[in-house]
Amino acid sequence: LGLITALPLYPSSGANNVEVLVEVSGEDFEALAYVGDNVLYAVSEGAEDSKLYAFEWADRSSKPSMVRSWKIPSPEIEGIAYVPPSSSAEEGKLYVASHQTTSGDADRTQRARIDIYPVPYFGWDTPSASKSSKYMGDTKKID
């Protein structure tokens, strides 16, 4: 359904109702990472490739607007985390957790992986050029 929902920090009329912040038709949002003062990154899961979205708030009273989206080669995303830079000479990183399923003649196996992307700037065509992958453990058979 492609919704990102949240409880407002400053609810109007004293109600604590969940509000829809973002709606993108056809997407399957799996995880969010808040970066800096006003940028929200969201990942939408795909079987082979997924999408990374950047949303930005104009001010605290508005809903975020989509600034940019990128297709990323991380299949079946399950989570995202932002790791800030350790110095001003570096850039932050987005760690994207996913799992890769492979089909063989007799069975299917699944392996967890973490892809590391530099925090994309809005002018980039794709953040995948400097992506690195780390596979976690052995494959496991799935039914």
N, C-alpha and C. Protein backbone atom coordinates (compact mmCIF):
# COMPACT_ATOMS: atom_id res chain seq x y z
N LEU A 1 0.81 -1.20 0.00
CA LEU A 1 0.00 0.00 0.00
C LEU A 1 0.85 1.26 0.00
N GLY A 2 2.12 1.20 0.34
CA GLY A 2 3.01 2.34 0.20
C GLY A 2 2.75 3.50 1.12
N LEU A 3 2.44 3.24 2.40
CA LEU A 3 2.18 4.31 3.35
C LEU A 3 3.29 4.39 4.39
N ILE A 4 3.62 5.60 4.79
CA ILE A 4 4.47 5.84 5.95
C ILE A 4 3.61 6.61 6.93
N THR A 5 3.42 6.04 8.12
CA THR A 5 2.55 6.65 9.12
C THR A 5 3.34 6.97 10.38
N ALA A 6 2.81 7.88 11.19
CA ALA A 6 3.48 8.26 12.44
C ALA A 6 2.49 8.95 13.35
N LEU A 7 2.83 8.96 14.64
CA LEU A 7 2.10 9.77 15.60
C LEU A 7 2.70 11.17 15.57
N PRO A 8 1.89 12.20 15.55
CA PRO A 8 2.44 13.57 15.51
C PRO A 8 3.11 13.93 16.83
N LEU A 9 4.20 14.67 16.76
CA LEU A 9 4.87 15.17 17.96
C LEU A 9 4.03 16.24 18.65
N TYR A 10 3.37 17.05 17.85
CA TYR A 10 2.55 18.15 18.37
C TYR A 10 1.14 17.99 17.81
N PRO A 11 0.35 17.08 18.40
CA PRO A 11 -0.98 16.82 17.83
C PRO A 11 -1.90 18.03 17.97
N SER A 12 -2.71 18.21 16.96
CA SER A 12 -3.70 19.29 17.01
C SER A 12 -4.94 18.78 17.75
N SER A 13 -5.60 19.62 18.43
CA SER A 13 -6.83 19.37 19.19
C SER A 13 -6.68 18.24 20.21
N GLY A 14 -5.46 17.99 20.68
CA GLY A 14 -5.25 17.02 21.76
C GLY A 14 -5.38 15.56 21.36
N ALA A 15 -5.66 15.26 20.11
CA ALA A 15 -5.82 13.87 19.67
C ALA A 15 -4.47 13.26 19.34
N ASN A 16 -4.32 12.01 19.66
CA ASN A 16 -3.09 11.28 19.33
C ASN A 16 -3.37 10.26 18.24
N ASN A 17 -3.86 10.71 17.11
CA ASN A 17 -4.18 9.83 16.00
C ASN A 17 -2.98 9.63 15.09
N VAL A 18 -2.86 8.44 14.55
CA VAL A 18 -1.81 8.15 13.58
C VAL A 18 -2.13 8.92 12.31
N GLU A 19 -1.11 9.59 11.76
CA GLU A 19 -1.28 10.35 10.52
C GLU A 19 -0.48 9.72 9.40
N VAL A 20 -0.99 9.81 8.19
CA VAL A 20 -0.24 9.37 7.02
C VAL A 20 0.70 10.51 6.64
N LEU A 21 2.01 10.23 6.67
CA LEU A 21 3.00 11.23 6.29
C LEU A 21 3.26 11.20 4.79
N VAL A 22 3.35 9.98 4.24
CA VAL A 22 3.72 9.80 2.84
C VAL A 22 2.89 8.67 2.26
N GLU A 23 2.47 8.84 1.02
CA GLU A 23 1.79 7.76 0.31
C GLU A 23 2.39 7.67 -1.09
N VAL A 24 2.95 6.51 -1.41
CA VAL A 24 3.50 6.26 -2.75
C VAL A 24 2.87 4.96 -3.26
N SER A 25 2.04 5.07 -4.25
CA SER A 25 1.30 3.93 -4.77
C SER A 25 2.23 2.83 -5.28
N GLY A 26 1.90 1.60 -4.92
CA GLY A 26 2.63 0.44 -5.44
C GLY A 26 3.91 0.10 -4.70
N GLU A 27 4.28 0.83 -3.67
CA GLU A 27 5.52 0.55 -2.95
C GLU A 27 5.24 -0.25 -1.69
N ASP A 28 6.27 -0.95 -1.22
CA ASP A 28 6.20 -1.77 -0.01
C ASP A 28 7.30 -1.30 0.94
N PHE A 29 7.03 -0.21 1.66
CA PHE A 29 8.04 0.35 2.55
C PHE A 29 8.34 -0.61 3.69
N GLU A 30 9.63 -0.86 3.89
CA GLU A 30 10.07 -1.80 4.92
C GLU A 30 10.76 -1.11 6.08
N ALA A 31 11.47 -0.01 5.84
CA ALA A 31 12.27 0.59 6.90
C ALA A 31 12.54 2.06 6.60
N LEU A 32 12.87 2.81 7.68
CA LEU A 32 13.12 4.24 7.59
C LEU A 32 14.41 4.59 8.31
N ALA A 33 15.08 5.65 7.84
CA ALA A 33 16.25 6.20 8.53
C ALA A 33 16.16 7.72 8.43
N TYR A 34 16.26 8.39 9.56
CA TYR A 34 16.20 9.84 9.62
C TYR A 34 17.63 10.37 9.62
N VAL A 35 17.95 11.28 8.70
CA VAL A 35 19.32 11.79 8.54
C VAL A 35 19.29 13.31 8.62
N GLY A 36 20.15 13.86 9.46
CA GLY A 36 20.23 15.31 9.58
C GLY A 36 18.99 15.88 10.23
N ASP A 37 18.68 17.10 9.86
CA ASP A 37 17.55 17.78 10.47
C ASP A 37 16.22 17.55 9.79
N ASN A 38 16.25 17.16 8.51
CA ASN A 38 14.96 17.12 7.82
C ASN A 38 14.86 16.12 6.68
N VAL A 39 15.73 15.13 6.59
CA VAL A 39 15.66 14.16 5.50
C VAL A 39 15.32 12.78 6.06
N LEU A 40 14.33 12.15 5.47
CA LEU A 40 13.90 10.81 5.82
C LEU A 40 14.16 9.90 4.63
N TYR A 41 14.97 8.86 4.83
CA TYR A 41 15.20 7.85 3.79
C TYR A 41 14.28 6.68 4.08
N ALA A 42 13.67 6.14 3.05
CA ALA A 42 12.79 4.98 3.17
C ALA A 42 13.17 3.99 2.08
N VAL A 43 13.10 2.71 2.42
CA VAL A 43 13.38 1.67 1.44
C VAL A 43 12.11 0.89 1.16
N SER A 44 11.90 0.59 -0.11
CA SER A 44 10.76 -0.19 -0.56
C SER A 44 11.29 -1.48 -1.14
N GLU A 45 10.78 -2.58 -0.64
CA GLU A 45 11.29 -3.91 -0.99
C GLU A 45 10.88 -4.35 -2.38
N GLY A 46 11.84 -4.95 -3.09
CA GLY A 46 11.59 -5.58 -4.38
C GLY A 46 12.25 -6.95 -4.39
N ALA A 47 11.81 -7.84 -5.27
CA ALA A 47 12.34 -9.21 -5.30
C ALA A 47 13.80 -9.25 -5.76
N GLU A 48 14.16 -8.42 -6.72
CA GLU A 48 15.55 -8.41 -7.20
C GLU A 48 16.23 -7.07 -6.93
N ASP A 49 15.54 -5.99 -7.18
CA ASP A 49 16.02 -4.65 -6.90
C ASP A 49 15.00 -3.98 -5.99
N SER A 50 15.44 -2.99 -5.26
CA SER A 50 14.55 -2.25 -4.38
C SER A 50 14.69 -0.77 -4.69
N LYS A 51 13.94 0.06 -3.98
CA LYS A 51 14.02 1.50 -4.18
C LYS A 51 14.37 2.18 -2.88
N LEU A 52 15.21 3.19 -2.98
CA LEU A 52 15.56 4.06 -1.87
C LEU A 52 14.93 5.41 -2.17
N TYR A 53 14.17 5.93 -1.22
CA TYR A 53 13.50 7.22 -1.37
C TYR A 53 14.08 8.21 -0.39
N ALA A 54 14.15 9.48 -0.80
CA ALA A 54 14.50 10.58 0.10
C ALA A 54 13.31 11.52 0.17
N PHE A 55 12.86 11.79 1.39
CA PHE A 55 11.78 12.73 1.65
C PHE A 55 12.34 13.85 2.51
N GLU A 56 11.82 15.06 2.29
CA GLU A 56 12.35 16.21 3.02
C GLU A 56 11.20 17.07 3.53
N TRP A 57 11.36 17.57 4.75
CA TRP A 57 10.39 18.49 5.33
C TRP A 57 10.80 19.92 4.99
N ALA A 58 9.84 20.73 4.55
CA ALA A 58 10.10 22.14 4.32
C ALA A 58 10.14 22.89 5.65
N ASP A 59 9.26 22.49 6.57
CA ASP A 59 9.24 23.04 7.93
C ASP A 59 8.55 22.02 8.83
N ARG A 60 8.54 22.27 10.11
CA ARG A 60 8.00 21.29 11.08
C ARG A 60 6.49 21.11 11.00
N SER A 61 5.79 22.04 10.40
CA SER A 61 4.34 21.92 10.33
C SER A 61 3.86 21.23 9.05
N SER A 62 4.78 20.94 8.14
CA SER A 62 4.39 20.33 6.87
C SER A 62 4.64 18.83 6.88
N LYS A 63 4.09 18.16 5.89
CA LYS A 63 4.40 16.74 5.67
C LYS A 63 5.61 16.69 4.74
N PRO A 64 6.39 15.60 4.81
CA PRO A 64 7.57 15.53 3.94
C PRO A 64 7.18 15.33 2.47
N SER A 65 8.00 15.88 1.60
CA SER A 65 7.81 15.72 0.15
C SER A 65 8.93 14.85 -0.40
N MET A 66 8.59 14.04 -1.40
CA MET A 66 9.61 13.21 -2.02
C MET A 66 10.55 14.10 -2.83
N VAL A 67 11.84 13.96 -2.55
CA VAL A 67 12.86 14.74 -3.24
C VAL A 67 13.44 13.93 -4.39
N ARG A 68 13.66 12.65 -4.13
CA ARG A 68 14.34 11.82 -5.14
C ARG A 68 14.15 10.35 -4.78
N SER A 69 14.26 9.48 -5.77
CA SER A 69 14.28 8.03 -5.52
C SER A 69 15.34 7.40 -6.41
N TRP A 70 15.88 6.29 -5.93
CA TRP A 70 16.92 5.56 -6.66
C TRP A 70 16.59 4.08 -6.64
N LYS A 71 16.89 3.41 -7.72
CA LYS A 71 16.80 1.96 -7.75
C LYS A 71 18.12 1.42 -7.21
N ILE A 72 18.07 0.51 -6.24
CA ILE A 72 19.29 -0.04 -5.66
C ILE A 72 19.26 -1.57 -5.77
N PRO A 73 20.41 -2.19 -5.99
CA PRO A 73 20.46 -3.64 -6.21
C PRO A 73 20.49 -4.45 -4.91
N SER A 74 19.63 -4.11 -3.97
CA SER A 74 19.51 -4.85 -2.71
C SER A 74 18.15 -5.53 -2.71
N PRO A 75 18.13 -6.85 -2.86
CA PRO A 75 16.83 -7.55 -2.95
C PRO A 75 16.22 -7.77 -1.58
N GLU A 76 14.89 -7.81 -1.55
CA GLU A 76 14.14 -8.21 -0.36
C GLU A 76 14.63 -7.52 0.92
N ILE A 77 14.61 -6.21 0.91
CA ILE A 77 15.11 -5.40 2.03
C ILE A 77 14.27 -5.62 3.29
N GLU A 78 14.95 -5.67 4.42
CA GLU A 78 14.29 -5.83 5.71
C GLU A 78 14.58 -4.70 6.69
N GLY A 79 15.64 -3.92 6.46
CA GLY A 79 15.95 -2.85 7.40
C GLY A 79 16.97 -1.88 6.84
N ILE A 80 17.07 -0.71 7.48
CA ILE A 80 18.02 0.32 7.08
C ILE A 80 18.48 1.05 8.34
N ALA A 81 19.75 1.42 8.36
CA ALA A 81 20.29 2.19 9.48
C ALA A 81 21.26 3.23 8.93
N TYR A 82 21.26 4.40 9.56
CA TYR A 82 22.19 5.47 9.20
C TYR A 82 23.34 5.45 10.19
N VAL A 83 24.57 5.47 9.66
CA VAL A 83 25.76 5.57 10.49
C VAL A 83 26.43 6.90 10.13
N PRO A 84 26.47 7.84 11.08
CA PRO A 84 27.04 9.16 10.78
C PRO A 84 28.55 9.08 10.55
N PRO A 85 29.11 10.07 9.87
CA PRO A 85 30.56 10.07 9.63
C PRO A 85 31.32 10.28 10.93
N SER A 86 32.54 9.72 10.97
CA SER A 86 33.36 9.90 12.17
C SER A 86 34.16 11.19 12.13
N SER A 87 34.23 11.81 10.95
CA SER A 87 34.91 13.10 10.83
C SER A 87 34.24 13.92 9.73
N SER A 88 34.56 15.20 9.67
CA SER A 88 33.95 16.06 8.66
C SER A 88 34.47 15.76 7.26
N ALA A 89 35.55 15.01 7.16
CA ALA A 89 36.12 14.66 5.85
C ALA A 89 35.42 13.44 5.24
N GLU A 90 34.55 12.79 5.99
CA GLU A 90 33.86 11.60 5.52
C GLU A 90 32.39 11.91 5.29
N GLU A 91 31.70 10.93 4.69
CA GLU A 91 30.25 11.05 4.54
C GLU A 91 29.59 9.93 5.33
N GLY A 92 28.35 10.13 5.71
CA GLY A 92 27.62 9.09 6.41
C GLY A 92 27.33 7.92 5.49
N LYS A 93 26.89 6.83 6.08
CA LYS A 93 26.59 5.62 5.32
C LYS A 93 25.20 5.11 5.68
N LEU A 94 24.54 4.51 4.71
CA LEU A 94 23.29 3.81 4.93
C LEU A 94 23.58 2.31 4.84
N TYR A 95 23.30 1.59 5.91
CA TYR A 95 23.45 0.14 5.93
C TYR A 95 22.07 -0.46 5.65
N VAL A 96 21.99 -1.24 4.59
CA VAL A 96 20.73 -1.82 4.15
C VAL A 96 20.78 -3.33 4.34
N ALA A 97 19.90 -3.85 5.19
CA ALA A 97 19.85 -5.29 5.45
C ALA A 97 18.83 -5.93 4.51
N SER A 98 19.25 -7.00 3.88
CA SER A 98 18.36 -7.71 2.96
C SER A 98 18.69 -9.19 2.99
N HIS A 99 17.93 -9.95 2.25
CA HIS A 99 18.28 -11.36 2.09
C HIS A 99 18.13 -11.73 0.64
N GLN A 100 19.01 -12.59 0.21
CA GLN A 100 19.06 -13.00 -1.17
C GLN A 100 18.63 -14.45 -1.26
N THR A 101 17.64 -14.72 -2.07
CA THR A 101 17.13 -16.07 -2.25
C THR A 101 17.59 -16.58 -3.59
N THR A 102 18.15 -17.77 -3.60
CA THR A 102 18.56 -18.40 -4.85
C THR A 102 17.82 -19.72 -5.00
N SER A 103 17.45 -20.05 -6.22
CA SER A 103 16.74 -21.29 -6.49
C SER A 103 17.67 -22.25 -7.21
N GLY A 104 17.71 -23.45 -6.71
CA GLY A 104 18.46 -24.52 -7.37
C GLY A 104 17.49 -25.53 -7.94
N ASP A 105 18.01 -26.62 -8.44
CA ASP A 105 17.14 -27.66 -9.00
C ASP A 105 16.26 -28.29 -7.92
N ALA A 106 16.84 -28.55 -6.73
CA ALA A 106 16.11 -29.28 -5.72
C ALA A 106 15.59 -28.41 -4.58
N ASP A 107 16.21 -27.28 -4.33
CA ASP A 107 15.80 -26.48 -3.18
C ASP A 107 16.10 -25.00 -3.41
N ARG A 108 15.64 -24.20 -2.46
CA ARG A 108 15.93 -22.77 -2.46
C ARG A 108 16.76 -22.47 -1.23
N THR A 109 17.69 -21.55 -1.35
CA THR A 109 18.48 -21.15 -0.19
C THR A 109 18.37 -19.64 -0.02
N GLN A 110 18.64 -19.22 1.19
CA GLN A 110 18.54 -17.80 1.51
C GLN A 110 19.76 -17.39 2.31
N ARG A 111 20.28 -16.21 2.01
CA ARG A 111 21.46 -15.73 2.72
C ARG A 111 21.26 -14.26 3.05
N ALA A 112 21.53 -13.91 4.31
CA ALA A 112 21.40 -12.52 4.73
C ALA A 112 22.59 -11.72 4.21
N ARG A 113 22.36 -10.45 3.92
CA ARG A 113 23.45 -9.60 3.48
C ARG A 113 23.20 -8.17 3.92
N ILE A 114 24.28 -7.42 4.01
CA ILE A 114 24.20 -6.00 4.33
C ILE A 114 24.93 -5.25 3.23
N ASP A 115 24.22 -4.34 2.57
CA ASP A 115 24.81 -3.49 1.55
C ASP A 115 25.05 -2.13 2.18
N ILE A 116 26.20 -1.54 1.88
CA ILE A 116 26.58 -0.26 2.48
C ILE A 116 26.65 0.78 1.36
N TYR A 117 25.86 1.83 1.51
CA TYR A 117 25.80 2.90 0.53
C TYR A 117 26.22 4.21 1.18
N PRO A 118 26.96 5.05 0.48
CA PRO A 118 27.16 6.40 1.00
C PRO A 118 25.81 7.11 0.99
N VAL A 119 25.58 8.01 1.92
CA VAL A 119 24.32 8.73 1.93
C VAL A 119 24.21 9.49 0.61
N PRO A 120 23.19 9.19 -0.17
CA PRO A 120 23.10 9.79 -1.50
C PRO A 120 22.75 11.27 -1.45
N TYR A 121 23.38 11.98 -2.35
CA TYR A 121 23.02 13.38 -2.54
C TYR A 121 21.95 13.43 -3.61
N PHE A 122 21.11 14.43 -3.55
CA PHE A 122 19.95 14.45 -4.42
C PHE A 122 20.31 14.53 -5.90
N GLY A 123 21.50 14.97 -6.24
CA GLY A 123 21.91 15.07 -7.63
C GLY A 123 22.44 13.77 -8.22
N TRP A 124 22.65 12.76 -7.40
CA TRP A 124 23.20 11.49 -7.91
C TRP A 124 22.21 10.76 -8.78
N ASP A 125 22.73 10.08 -9.79
CA ASP A 125 21.88 9.22 -10.59
C ASP A 125 21.55 7.95 -9.81
N THR A 126 22.53 7.35 -9.17
CA THR A 126 22.32 6.16 -8.36
C THR A 126 23.42 6.07 -7.31
N PRO A 127 23.08 5.63 -6.10
CA PRO A 127 24.10 5.49 -5.08
C PRO A 127 24.83 4.15 -5.13
N SER A 128 24.53 3.31 -6.12
CA SER A 128 25.07 1.95 -6.12
C SER A 128 26.53 1.86 -6.55
N ALA A 129 27.11 2.90 -7.14
CA ALA A 129 28.47 2.82 -7.66
C ALA A 129 29.50 2.51 -6.58
N SER A 130 29.31 3.03 -5.38
CA SER A 130 30.28 2.76 -4.32
C SER A 130 29.68 1.86 -3.24
N LYS A 131 28.74 1.04 -3.64
CA LYS A 131 28.12 0.08 -2.73
C LYS A 131 29.09 -1.05 -2.44
N SER A 132 29.09 -1.55 -1.22
CA SER A 132 29.82 -2.78 -0.93
C SER A 132 28.88 -3.72 -0.19
N SER A 133 29.01 -5.01 -0.43
CA SER A 133 28.13 -5.99 0.19
C SER A 133 28.91 -6.85 1.17
N LYS A 134 28.25 -7.21 2.24
CA LYS A 134 28.82 -8.13 3.22
C LYS A 134 27.78 -9.22 3.42
N TYR A 135 28.20 -10.46 3.18
CA TYR A 135 27.30 -11.59 3.38
C TYR A 135 27.45 -12.10 4.79
N MET A 136 26.37 -12.43 5.40
CA MET A 136 26.36 -12.82 6.80
C MET A 136 26.12 -14.32 6.91
N GLY A 137 27.14 -15.10 7.22
CA GLY A 137 27.00 -16.52 7.49
C GLY A 137 26.72 -17.35 6.27
N ASP A 138 26.39 -18.59 6.51
CA ASP A 138 26.14 -19.55 5.44
C ASP A 138 24.71 -19.44 4.94
N THR A 139 24.50 -20.03 3.78
CA THR A 139 23.14 -20.07 3.26
C THR A 139 22.32 -21.05 4.09
N LYS A 140 21.03 -20.84 4.11
CA LYS A 140 20.16 -21.77 4.80
C LYS A 140 19.02 -22.13 3.87
N LYS A 141 18.59 -23.36 3.95
CA LYS A 141 17.52 -23.84 3.11
C LYS A 141 16.20 -23.26 3.61
N ILE A 142 15.33 -22.83 2.68
CA ILE A 142 14.01 -22.35 3.06
C ILE A 142 12.97 -23.15 2.31
N ASP A 143 11.77 -23.21 2.86
CA ASP A 143 10.69 -23.96 2.23
C ASP A 143 9.87 -23.08 1.34
